[in-house]
Every structure is written in C-alpha cells, then in structure tokens.
Amino acid sequence: MTDHLQAATPSRRDFLKTCAAGVSASAITTLIPAGVKSAAYAGGSDAPEKAAVKIGFIPLTDCAPIVVAATQNFGKKYGLTITPSKEASWAAVRDKLVNGELDAAHVLYGLIYGVQMGIGGQQKNMATLMTLNQNGQAITLSNQLRDEKKVSDGASLKKLISAEPREYTFAQTFPTGTHAMWLYYWLASIGVNPFKDVKTIVVPPPQMVANMRIGNMDGYCVGEPWNARAVADKIGFTVATSQDIWAGHPEKVLGATADFVKQYPNTARAMVASILEASRYIDAKANRASVAKLIADKAYVNAPEDVIVQRFMGNYDNGIGKRWQDPNLMKFYDEGKVSFPYLSDGMWFLTQHKRWGLLKSEPDYLAIAKQVNQIELYTQAAAMAKVPVPKDPMRSAKLIDGKVWDGKDPKGYANSFAIKA
C-alpha cells in the first residue's frame, strides 16, 4: 500500500457548509454541554498542539484503522504522526489512557463508559472520539461440548446446562466491555443467566484460544481473528456472531480522556480525521486483502493471514458445517455511518451495565452520553476528511431477543428484561 493523501484541510467556512448538508453546526452545538465543548480552531489555527501521538491497540482484526492510519501516513496532511502501541490487555489500555502513557486507544466501547462511571476502574472523565467498527465479534464454544454433549446451538447449550448442572465457564475480555455485554445478552436470550447459571472470567483476547485448548473454558466471546483461529485449530466452533445479536452494533472506539481533548482539541480533531481516512480506505473491498496481510504481521495481530482474511472479507465458516457470506461483516466506514459516535450507542452500554448490576443506581443516560461522545469535535473532523455526518445522533435496531433499542426510554429498557441481575 502507498500513501493515499488528499487536498489540504478545509476552512471553517467549508466545515460549516458540510455541516449544513448533514447536522447543522448549531444543532451539533446543542448536543454538547457547554463545559465539555472543544475550542474549535483555537487561536485561529487548526495545527495539532502535539505533532506526534501514541495510540494503543489490542491485537484484534478491528485494530486495522489504527495500524493503517499509522503505517500509511494518513496523518501527514493533518500535521500528525501516529505511533501504534501494542498492549497486552484491556486493563493495560485503561490504565495507560488514564495515566497519560497513551494519548488515545483502540478500545472497547463499554470500557470507556465504565471508567466514566467509576466501574471497571477508577473514575475518570472520558471521551469517545469516533466509532472504529461495527460487527465482527463472535461467541465460540468448545468442540468438547459438541463432541461429548452434542451441543451445536443455543438451545442445546441451554438444555445441557439445565440437565447437567456443573460449573460451566465462559470468558470475556473486560467486565464492562463489549464482549462481556454480547456474551451476557446472548446467554440471556437463550434463557441462561450469565451470573447465576454459569461462571464468567476475564481473559485477554490473544489468550482465548490457548485457554480453550487446555480445557479452561467451555466458551468465550472475543473479537476476530480469535474465533476463526479456534475453528482453524479445530478446538472450537462459532455458535453466534455478534451481528447475530445486533446487526450493525457499535464495537471498538477511538477513546481518550476528556482532559486530553480539552488540552489538545486540534490534535484530537486531526487524529479523528486521519483515522476516518484510514477507515474509508479499509472499507473499500479492493483494499481488504492487503490490509489483512498488513495487520497479520507479528507487530500487530500476529496471526496467520489466511485466518484473518476470510472473516475480514465476510466469508464465514462456523466449524460445524455452515458456510456463508455475511452482509453484516466487520465494517469500518460505510459512508460515515459506522464512524459517527451516536448518543444512543453509548446509552445502550449504560443500560446493560444497569441491567447486570454493574451500576447500582439509575444514571442520567442521555446527559452522560452527551458528555462522553464528542459529536461536535467529530463533526469538525468529518468535515476536514470530507466524510458525511448522519442527521440524527440517535438510531434504532432490533436485537436477537426481539427487543427494539432506540434510546427513547433507556430506564424502561434497562428494567424490561426478564433475566437481569
């Protein structure tokens, strides 16, 4: 791959024109409390206050926007050098974000909201700058369950757990993160209480396959390529993809602290614009195979290219005889619809944190989402990168259990589930 650089950063007037085509500047302004608005184009200059940033990532397929933005120099025209930093666990990402060792990170959506709320880590005001991807995670069950107990789907798993009680162990990657929420939601959808009927543990993504191989778990939820790797190594099968649970769900975000955004608004804006361009590049079908080859390197995901590329292209094999081309494959751009930090997406994670007892009291869902999700800054960055912006900061979807989430009644939604803490 080579640099794919475009024209110079647009002016403030161009930004306002772009806003007018999607969300107006005044409408965006009303979404953000006055205390957390970024100082747009401080001092009449949009040059980054920091010319070099370190962005953390975990070795997962969806770290691609960070790796591509850094290695293909998408930050150059915005005056920014991006250095990717490979991290060992989500807890390490959290700690390094909070203490300033990382400027930003490829991070679980729910982790950002957990830190914001003081759960899953010490409280710190956080910022979701953009969504990095939708879809592309999965739940893997061990082949031992299939071979010895004839488990092949959710219904047969539920039947086994009811008929043969024991300590069934399932792993996720962080207590407030996306993989925990997809695992809990799916288990509950088949009638299994994830806190009463099974045991859940935390395992870093790259360690999932090794732990299943030695029998430490019955199942896990993680991002790719660690589900495809279990299939390739013949130790597990895919019982559900995360897009089965919620087609188009939010997944990883570009996260930072609120302090970083306040101190370096131009840098934050330049980061978002750079990664938007990388995301657009990745989503072009013609580029997917070369991106898979790039991220397979041991410096990044450190997995066989052929294990990464299939699901990256939407070619799924669940390991027990089903193969399909998934239209809801991992997406990074989709004409800007992926990247926009919808308020309703952030609010959904809060509803699940409340559902599972991680939040002990009812939060102000919308106010918190407005504080965390940096819609004003994102819209400015989108204008710089010539990316369309959705007109509505809320969106709706029907999930696997038939419930519709639209952000209109988050308290009612959080309390409406039959299976909860």
Protein backbone atom coordinates (compact mmCIF):
# COMPACT_ATOMS: atom_id res chain seq x y z
CA MET A 1 0.00 0.00 0.00
CA THR A 2 1.07 3.59 -0.56
CA ASP A 3 0.06 6.92 0.91
CA HIS A 4 -3.43 7.99 -0.12
CA LEU A 5 -3.26 11.69 0.62
CA GLN A 6 -5.81 14.26 -0.41
CA ALA A 7 -6.13 18.04 -0.53
CA ALA A 8 -5.36 20.42 2.33
CA THR A 9 -7.60 20.77 5.37
CA PRO A 10 -10.81 22.68 4.57
CA SER A 11 -11.51 26.06 6.08
CA ARG A 12 -14.01 26.89 8.81
CA ARG A 13 -16.40 28.00 6.05
CA ASP A 14 -16.06 24.58 4.37
CA PHE A 15 -16.77 22.93 7.71
CA LEU A 16 -19.99 24.88 8.11
CA LYS A 17 -21.04 24.03 4.54
CA THR A 18 -20.51 20.35 5.27
CA CYS A 19 -22.48 20.60 8.48
CA ALA A 20 -25.34 22.19 6.60
CA ALA A 21 -25.54 19.12 4.42
CA GLY A 22 -25.94 16.83 7.43
CA VAL A 23 -26.14 18.10 11.01
CA SER A 24 -26.08 21.86 11.30
CA ALA A 25 -23.37 23.48 13.40
CA SER A 26 -25.99 24.94 15.73
CA ALA A 27 -27.73 21.57 16.10
CA ILE A 28 -24.45 19.90 16.97
CA THR A 29 -23.67 22.63 19.50
CA THR A 30 -26.93 21.99 21.34
CA LEU A 31 -25.97 18.34 21.83
CA ILE A 32 -22.86 19.14 23.87
CA PRO A 33 -22.90 20.67 27.38
CA ALA A 34 -21.05 23.98 27.47
CA GLY A 35 -18.43 22.68 29.90
CA VAL A 36 -17.16 20.00 27.55
CA LYS A 37 -17.15 21.75 24.18
CA SER A 38 -13.80 21.73 22.44
CA ALA A 39 -12.24 25.03 21.48
CA ALA A 40 -12.55 24.83 17.71
CA TYR A 41 -9.56 26.17 15.84
CA ALA A 42 -8.01 27.71 18.95
CA GLY A 43 -6.11 30.90 18.30
CA GLY A 44 -7.13 30.88 14.64
CA SER A 45 -5.03 27.80 13.89
CA ASP A 46 -6.06 24.20 13.43
CA ALA A 47 -2.49 22.84 13.69
CA PRO A 48 -2.19 19.98 16.19
CA GLU A 49 -0.87 21.06 19.57
CA LYS A 50 1.01 17.73 19.61
CA ALA A 51 2.58 16.72 16.31
CA ALA A 52 3.06 13.08 17.40
CA VAL A 53 0.63 10.83 19.25
CA LYS A 54 0.79 7.31 20.64
CA ILE A 55 -2.37 5.26 20.09
CA GLY A 56 -2.77 1.95 21.90
CA PHE A 57 -4.33 -1.15 20.41
CA ILE A 58 -5.03 -4.78 21.27
CA PRO A 59 -4.13 -7.47 18.67
CA LEU A 60 -7.54 -7.89 17.10
CA THR A 61 -8.67 -7.54 13.49
CA ASP A 62 -10.52 -4.34 14.32
CA CYS A 63 -7.29 -2.57 15.27
CA ALA A 64 -6.91 -2.08 11.50
CA PRO A 65 -7.83 1.65 11.40
CA ILE A 66 -5.04 2.49 13.87
CA VAL A 67 -2.45 0.36 12.06
CA VAL A 68 -3.42 1.62 8.61
CA ALA A 69 -3.54 5.27 9.69
CA ALA A 70 -0.07 4.93 11.20
CA THR A 71 1.71 2.84 8.57
CA GLN A 72 0.15 4.52 5.54
CA ASN A 73 0.74 8.05 6.84
CA PHE A 74 -2.86 9.21 6.78
CA GLY A 75 -1.99 11.77 9.47
CA LYS A 76 0.59 13.54 7.31
CA LYS A 77 -1.71 16.08 5.72
CA TYR A 78 -3.13 16.95 9.14
CA GLY A 79 0.33 17.57 10.58
CA LEU A 80 0.23 14.42 12.69
CA THR A 81 2.48 11.41 13.19
CA ILE A 82 0.73 8.35 14.66
CA THR A 83 2.65 5.67 16.53
CA PRO A 84 0.69 2.49 17.28
CA SER A 85 1.40 0.83 20.63
CA LYS A 86 0.57 -2.86 21.06
CA GLU A 87 -0.88 -3.58 24.50
CA ALA A 88 -1.30 -6.83 26.43
CA SER A 89 -4.82 -6.42 27.85
CA TRP A 90 -7.77 -4.07 28.06
CA ALA A 91 -6.86 -3.34 31.68
CA ALA A 92 -3.46 -2.15 30.46
CA VAL A 93 -5.13 0.05 27.84
CA ARG A 94 -7.40 1.53 30.52
CA ASP A 95 -4.54 2.27 32.90
CA LYS A 96 -2.29 3.79 30.24
CA LEU A 97 -5.10 6.01 28.94
CA VAL A 98 -5.94 7.25 32.41
CA ASN A 99 -2.34 7.94 33.44
CA GLY A 100 -1.39 9.58 30.14
CA GLU A 101 1.03 6.96 28.78
CA LEU A 102 -1.26 6.69 25.75
CA ASP A 103 -2.80 9.70 24.02
CA ALA A 104 -5.70 7.62 22.69
CA ALA A 105 -6.56 3.98 22.05
CA HIS A 106 -8.49 1.40 20.07
CA VAL A 107 -10.71 0.43 22.97
CA LEU A 108 -13.91 -1.35 23.93
CA TYR A 109 -16.94 0.98 23.81
CA GLY A 110 -18.18 -0.21 27.17
CA LEU A 111 -14.77 0.22 28.81
CA ILE A 112 -14.87 3.96 28.15
CA TYR A 113 -18.31 4.22 29.75
CA GLY A 114 -17.25 2.01 32.64
CA VAL A 115 -14.34 4.30 33.52
CA GLN A 116 -16.60 7.33 33.11
CA MET A 117 -18.97 5.83 35.68
CA GLY A 118 -16.25 4.59 38.04
CA ILE A 119 -16.91 0.88 37.39
CA GLY A 120 -14.26 -1.41 35.96
CA GLY A 121 -11.62 1.07 37.09
CA GLN A 122 -11.04 4.33 38.94
CA GLN A 123 -13.40 7.10 37.80
CA LYS A 124 -12.05 9.40 35.12
CA ASN A 125 -13.92 11.58 32.67
CA MET A 126 -13.52 10.00 29.26
CA ALA A 127 -14.14 10.81 25.60
CA THR A 128 -15.39 8.71 22.72
CA LEU A 129 -13.98 10.44 19.65
CA MET A 130 -15.37 8.10 16.99
CA THR A 131 -16.54 4.54 16.47
CA LEU A 132 -13.88 2.39 14.81
CA ASN A 133 -16.01 -0.52 13.65
CA GLN A 134 -19.31 -2.34 13.73
CA ASN A 135 -19.89 -6.12 13.85
CA GLY A 136 -17.22 -8.82 13.57
CA GLN A 137 -17.07 -10.41 17.04
CA ALA A 138 -18.34 -13.88 17.93
CA ILE A 139 -19.08 -16.46 20.61
CA THR A 140 -17.07 -19.69 20.40
CA LEU A 141 -17.98 -22.95 22.14
CA SER A 142 -15.51 -25.78 22.68
CA ASN A 143 -15.52 -28.80 20.41
CA GLN A 144 -15.60 -30.89 23.58
CA LEU A 145 -19.15 -29.67 24.22
CA ARG A 146 -20.07 -30.60 20.66
CA ASP A 147 -18.33 -33.98 20.60
CA GLU A 148 -19.26 -35.21 24.07
CA LYS A 149 -22.56 -33.43 24.74
CA LYS A 150 -23.95 -32.83 21.22
CA VAL A 151 -24.12 -29.06 21.73
CA SER A 152 -24.42 -27.21 18.41
CA ASP A 153 -26.52 -24.12 19.15
CA GLY A 154 -28.04 -22.03 21.90
CA ALA A 155 -30.99 -24.33 22.53
CA SER A 156 -28.82 -27.43 23.01
CA LEU A 157 -26.46 -25.47 25.29
CA LYS A 158 -29.38 -24.34 27.44
CA LYS A 159 -30.69 -27.92 27.60
CA LEU A 160 -27.29 -29.22 28.71
CA ILE A 161 -26.82 -26.58 31.42
CA SER A 162 -30.30 -27.35 32.79
CA ALA A 163 -29.91 -31.14 32.62
CA GLU A 164 -26.33 -31.50 33.83
CA PRO A 165 -25.50 -28.78 36.37
CA ARG A 166 -21.80 -28.07 36.88
CA GLU A 167 -19.54 -25.03 36.77
CA TYR A 168 -19.73 -24.06 33.10
CA THR A 169 -17.06 -21.43 32.40
CA PHE A 170 -17.30 -18.67 29.80
CA ALA A 171 -14.69 -15.99 29.15
CA GLN A 172 -14.98 -12.38 28.07
CA THR A 173 -12.32 -9.71 27.80
CA PHE A 174 -13.26 -6.93 30.26
CA PRO A 175 -16.07 -6.61 32.85
CA THR A 176 -17.78 -3.55 31.31
CA GLY A 177 -16.66 -4.16 27.71
CA THR A 178 -18.43 -5.12 24.53
CA HIS A 179 -17.55 -8.82 24.64
CA ALA A 180 -18.99 -9.16 28.15
CA MET A 181 -22.19 -7.48 27.02
CA TRP A 182 -22.56 -9.62 23.86
CA LEU A 183 -21.91 -12.79 25.87
CA TYR A 184 -24.37 -11.87 28.60
CA TYR A 185 -27.01 -10.75 26.12
CA TRP A 186 -26.74 -13.94 24.07
CA LEU A 187 -26.80 -16.24 27.10
CA ALA A 188 -29.86 -14.43 28.45
CA SER A 189 -31.56 -14.69 25.03
CA ILE A 190 -31.35 -18.50 25.29
CA GLY A 191 -32.59 -18.48 28.89
CA VAL A 192 -29.23 -18.76 30.68
CA ASN A 193 -28.45 -16.29 33.47
CA PRO A 194 -24.78 -15.32 32.99
CA PHE A 195 -24.32 -14.61 36.70
CA LYS A 196 -26.29 -17.50 38.22
CA ASP A 197 -26.20 -20.40 35.78
CA VAL A 198 -22.58 -20.17 34.59
CA LYS A 199 -19.23 -18.75 35.68
CA THR A 200 -17.67 -15.91 33.70
CA ILE A 201 -13.99 -15.00 33.73
CA VAL A 202 -11.79 -12.34 32.11
CA VAL A 203 -9.12 -13.43 29.61
CA PRO A 204 -7.12 -11.15 27.26
CA PRO A 205 -8.10 -11.71 23.59
CA PRO A 206 -4.86 -13.36 22.34
CA GLN A 207 -5.01 -15.87 25.21
CA MET A 208 -8.51 -17.17 24.47
CA VAL A 209 -7.51 -19.96 22.07
CA ALA A 210 -4.73 -21.30 24.30
CA ASN A 211 -7.05 -21.40 27.32
CA MET A 212 -9.76 -23.25 25.40
CA ARG A 213 -7.19 -25.69 24.03
CA ILE A 214 -6.22 -26.81 27.56
CA GLY A 215 -9.83 -27.01 28.74
CA ASN A 216 -10.05 -23.91 30.92
CA MET A 217 -13.36 -22.78 29.42
CA ASP A 218 -16.50 -24.02 27.71
CA GLY A 219 -16.92 -20.89 25.63
CA TYR A 220 -15.79 -17.34 25.08
CA CYS A 221 -16.72 -14.10 23.41
CA VAL A 222 -13.95 -12.15 21.69
CA GLY A 223 -13.13 -10.25 18.54
CA GLU A 224 -11.60 -11.77 15.43
CA PRO A 225 -9.39 -13.45 14.49
CA TRP A 226 -9.56 -15.47 17.72
CA ASN A 227 -12.89 -17.12 16.85
CA ALA A 228 -11.72 -18.07 13.35
CA ARG A 229 -8.46 -19.32 14.89
CA ALA A 230 -10.39 -21.74 17.15
CA VAL A 231 -12.17 -23.11 14.09
CA ALA A 232 -8.92 -23.40 12.12
CA ASP A 233 -7.22 -25.17 15.03
CA LYS A 234 -10.25 -27.48 15.45
CA ILE A 235 -10.75 -26.70 19.11
CA GLY A 236 -13.99 -24.71 18.89
CA PHE A 237 -16.92 -23.61 16.74
CA THR A 238 -18.80 -20.37 16.28
CA VAL A 239 -22.21 -20.63 17.91
CA ALA A 240 -23.18 -16.99 17.24
CA THR A 241 -21.67 -13.87 15.74
CA SER A 242 -22.11 -10.52 17.42
CA GLN A 243 -24.01 -9.33 14.35
CA ASP A 244 -26.49 -12.16 15.04
CA ILE A 245 -27.10 -10.43 18.36
CA TRP A 246 -27.27 -6.90 16.93
CA ALA A 247 -26.65 -6.29 13.24
CA GLY A 248 -24.67 -3.08 12.94
CA HIS A 249 -23.74 -2.92 16.61
CA PRO A 250 -21.05 -0.49 17.82
CA GLU A 251 -17.82 -2.17 18.83
CA LYS A 252 -14.41 -0.51 19.32
CA VAL A 253 -13.99 3.25 19.60
CA LEU A 254 -11.17 5.73 19.45
CA GLY A 255 -11.06 6.61 23.13
CA ALA A 256 -9.20 9.26 25.12
CA THR A 257 -9.57 11.11 28.38
CA ALA A 258 -11.69 14.24 28.50
CA ASP A 259 -8.58 16.06 29.77
CA PHE A 260 -6.68 15.14 26.60
CA VAL A 261 -9.45 16.51 24.38
CA LYS A 262 -9.64 19.71 26.42
CA GLN A 263 -5.87 20.27 26.35
CA TYR A 264 -5.29 19.17 22.74
CA PRO A 265 -8.51 19.76 20.76
CA ASN A 266 -6.74 20.26 17.42
CA THR A 267 -4.71 17.10 17.95
CA ALA A 268 -7.84 15.13 18.77
CA ARG A 269 -9.55 16.50 15.66
CA ALA A 270 -6.54 15.61 13.49
CA MET A 271 -6.48 12.07 14.91
CA VAL A 272 -10.14 11.56 14.05
CA ALA A 273 -9.73 12.95 10.53
CA SER A 274 -6.68 10.74 9.92
CA ILE A 275 -8.41 7.59 11.15
CA LEU A 276 -11.57 8.43 9.21
CA GLU A 277 -9.48 8.40 6.05
CA ALA A 278 -7.91 5.09 7.05
CA SER A 279 -11.36 3.63 7.79
CA ARG A 280 -12.66 4.70 4.40
CA TYR A 281 -9.62 3.08 2.78
CA ILE A 282 -10.14 -0.22 4.64
CA ASP A 283 -13.83 -0.44 3.75
CA ALA A 284 -13.04 -0.41 0.03
CA LYS A 285 -13.33 -4.08 -0.93
CA ALA A 286 -10.30 -3.85 -3.18
CA ASN A 287 -8.10 -2.97 -0.19
CA ARG A 288 -9.31 -5.58 2.30
CA ALA A 289 -6.89 -8.38 1.38
CA SER A 290 -3.85 -6.11 1.56
CA VAL A 291 -4.99 -4.74 4.93
CA ALA A 292 -5.41 -8.30 6.24
CA LYS A 293 -1.84 -9.05 5.16
CA LEU A 294 -0.60 -5.89 6.88
CA ILE A 295 -2.26 -6.48 10.23
CA ALA A 296 -1.32 -10.19 10.30
CA ASP A 297 2.28 -9.16 11.00
CA LYS A 298 3.68 -10.12 14.41
CA ALA A 299 3.96 -6.43 15.29
CA TYR A 300 0.17 -6.17 15.13
CA VAL A 301 -2.28 -9.10 15.35
CA ASN A 302 0.34 -11.84 15.00
CA ALA A 303 -1.97 -14.42 13.41
CA PRO A 304 -1.92 -16.29 10.09
CA GLU A 305 -3.09 -14.12 7.21
CA ASP A 306 -5.47 -16.84 5.97
CA VAL A 307 -7.17 -16.95 9.38
CA ILE A 308 -7.70 -13.18 9.36
CA VAL A 309 -8.69 -12.60 5.75
CA GLN A 310 -11.72 -14.88 5.45
CA ARG A 311 -13.97 -13.26 8.06
CA PHE A 312 -12.43 -9.88 7.22
CA MET A 313 -13.92 -10.38 3.75
CA GLY A 314 -17.22 -11.67 5.20
CA ASN A 315 -16.56 -15.34 4.39
CA TYR A 316 -17.73 -17.31 7.42
CA ASP A 317 -17.31 -20.98 8.36
CA ASN A 318 -18.70 -21.84 11.78
CA GLY A 319 -16.64 -25.03 12.07
CA ILE A 320 -19.59 -27.42 12.17
CA GLY A 321 -20.71 -27.40 8.56
CA LYS A 322 -22.22 -23.98 7.93
CA ARG A 323 -20.58 -21.55 5.49
CA TRP A 324 -21.98 -18.19 4.44
CA GLN A 325 -21.20 -14.76 3.05
CA ASP A 326 -22.22 -12.34 5.79
CA PRO A 327 -23.57 -8.96 4.62
CA ASN A 328 -23.06 -7.70 8.19
CA LEU A 329 -19.33 -8.29 8.16
CA MET A 330 -16.94 -6.11 10.13
CA LYS A 331 -17.41 -2.57 8.80
CA PHE A 332 -15.19 0.42 9.38
CA TYR A 333 -16.77 3.27 7.40
CA ASP A 334 -19.98 2.64 5.42
CA GLU A 335 -20.24 6.23 4.17
CA GLY A 336 -19.61 7.59 7.66
CA LYS A 337 -22.45 5.68 9.32
CA VAL A 338 -20.02 3.42 11.21
CA SER A 339 -17.74 6.16 12.49
CA PHE A 340 -20.29 8.58 13.95
CA PRO A 341 -20.44 8.42 17.80
CA TYR A 342 -24.22 8.03 18.13
CA LEU A 343 -25.53 9.04 21.54
CA SER A 344 -27.85 6.03 21.58
CA ASP A 345 -24.89 3.67 21.18
CA GLY A 346 -23.23 4.95 24.33
CA MET A 347 -26.53 4.91 26.19
CA TRP A 348 -27.08 1.23 25.30
CA PHE A 349 -23.95 0.19 27.18
CA LEU A 350 -25.18 2.09 30.22
CA THR A 351 -28.50 0.19 30.05
CA GLN A 352 -26.62 -3.11 30.09
CA HIS A 353 -24.34 -2.02 32.91
CA LYS A 354 -27.50 -1.23 34.87
CA ARG A 355 -29.18 -4.49 33.81
CA TRP A 356 -26.33 -6.60 35.15
CA GLY A 357 -25.89 -4.71 38.40
CA LEU A 358 -22.63 -3.02 37.49
CA LEU A 359 -24.38 0.32 38.04
CA LYS A 360 -26.22 0.34 41.34
CA SER A 361 -28.35 3.40 40.64
CA GLU A 362 -30.11 4.77 37.58
CA PRO A 363 -27.78 7.05 35.58
CA ASP A 364 -28.80 10.08 33.52
CA TYR A 365 -28.32 8.15 30.29
CA LEU A 366 -28.59 10.99 27.78
CA ALA A 367 -26.59 13.53 29.78
CA ILE A 368 -23.70 11.08 30.21
CA ALA A 369 -23.69 10.18 26.50
CA LYS A 370 -23.62 13.87 25.58
CA GLN A 371 -20.65 14.37 27.87
CA VAL A 372 -18.65 11.35 26.63
CA ASN A 373 -19.41 11.19 22.90
CA GLN A 374 -17.61 14.08 21.23
CA ILE A 375 -20.11 14.82 18.47
CA GLU A 376 -19.06 18.43 17.92
CA LEU A 377 -15.38 17.56 17.58
CA TYR A 378 -16.20 14.53 15.41
CA THR A 379 -18.31 16.65 13.06
CA GLN A 380 -15.46 19.12 12.63
CA ALA A 381 -13.04 16.28 11.89
CA ALA A 382 -15.51 14.69 9.45
CA ALA A 383 -15.65 17.97 7.56
CA MET A 384 -11.86 18.00 7.34
CA ALA A 385 -11.87 14.49 5.89
CA LYS A 386 -14.94 15.15 3.72
CA VAL A 387 -16.98 12.46 5.46
CA PRO A 388 -20.79 12.73 5.58
CA VAL A 389 -22.38 13.07 9.01
CA PRO A 390 -25.70 11.37 9.93
CA LYS A 391 -28.54 13.78 10.64
CA ASP A 392 -29.70 12.13 13.86
CA PRO A 393 -27.46 11.33 16.86
CA MET A 394 -29.86 8.51 17.79
CA ARG A 395 -30.51 5.29 15.89
CA SER A 396 -32.58 2.15 16.42
CA ALA A 397 -32.19 -1.59 15.98
CA LYS A 398 -33.96 -4.85 16.85
CA LEU A 399 -31.75 -7.25 18.79
CA ILE A 400 -31.70 -11.05 18.89
CA ASP A 401 -34.39 -11.27 21.59
CA GLY A 402 -36.81 -9.12 19.57
CA LYS A 403 -36.40 -6.03 21.74
CA VAL A 404 -36.03 -2.71 19.93
CA TRP A 405 -33.44 -0.24 21.16
CA ASP A 406 -33.88 3.38 20.07
CA GLY A 407 -32.65 5.37 23.08
CA LYS A 408 -36.06 6.92 23.79
CA ASP A 409 -36.71 5.25 27.15
CA PRO A 410 -33.38 3.94 28.45
CA LYS A 411 -34.61 3.48 32.01
CA GLY A 412 -37.61 1.45 30.87
CA TYR A 413 -35.43 -0.58 28.51
CA ALA A 414 -32.82 -1.36 31.18
CA ASN A 415 -35.50 -2.60 33.56
CA SER A 416 -37.58 -4.54 30.99
CA PHE A 417 -35.52 -7.72 30.81
CA ALA A 418 -36.75 -10.94 32.41
CA ILE A 419 -33.18 -12.09 33.04
CA LYS A 420 -31.07 -9.48 34.84
CA ALA A 421 -29.02 -9.06 37.99
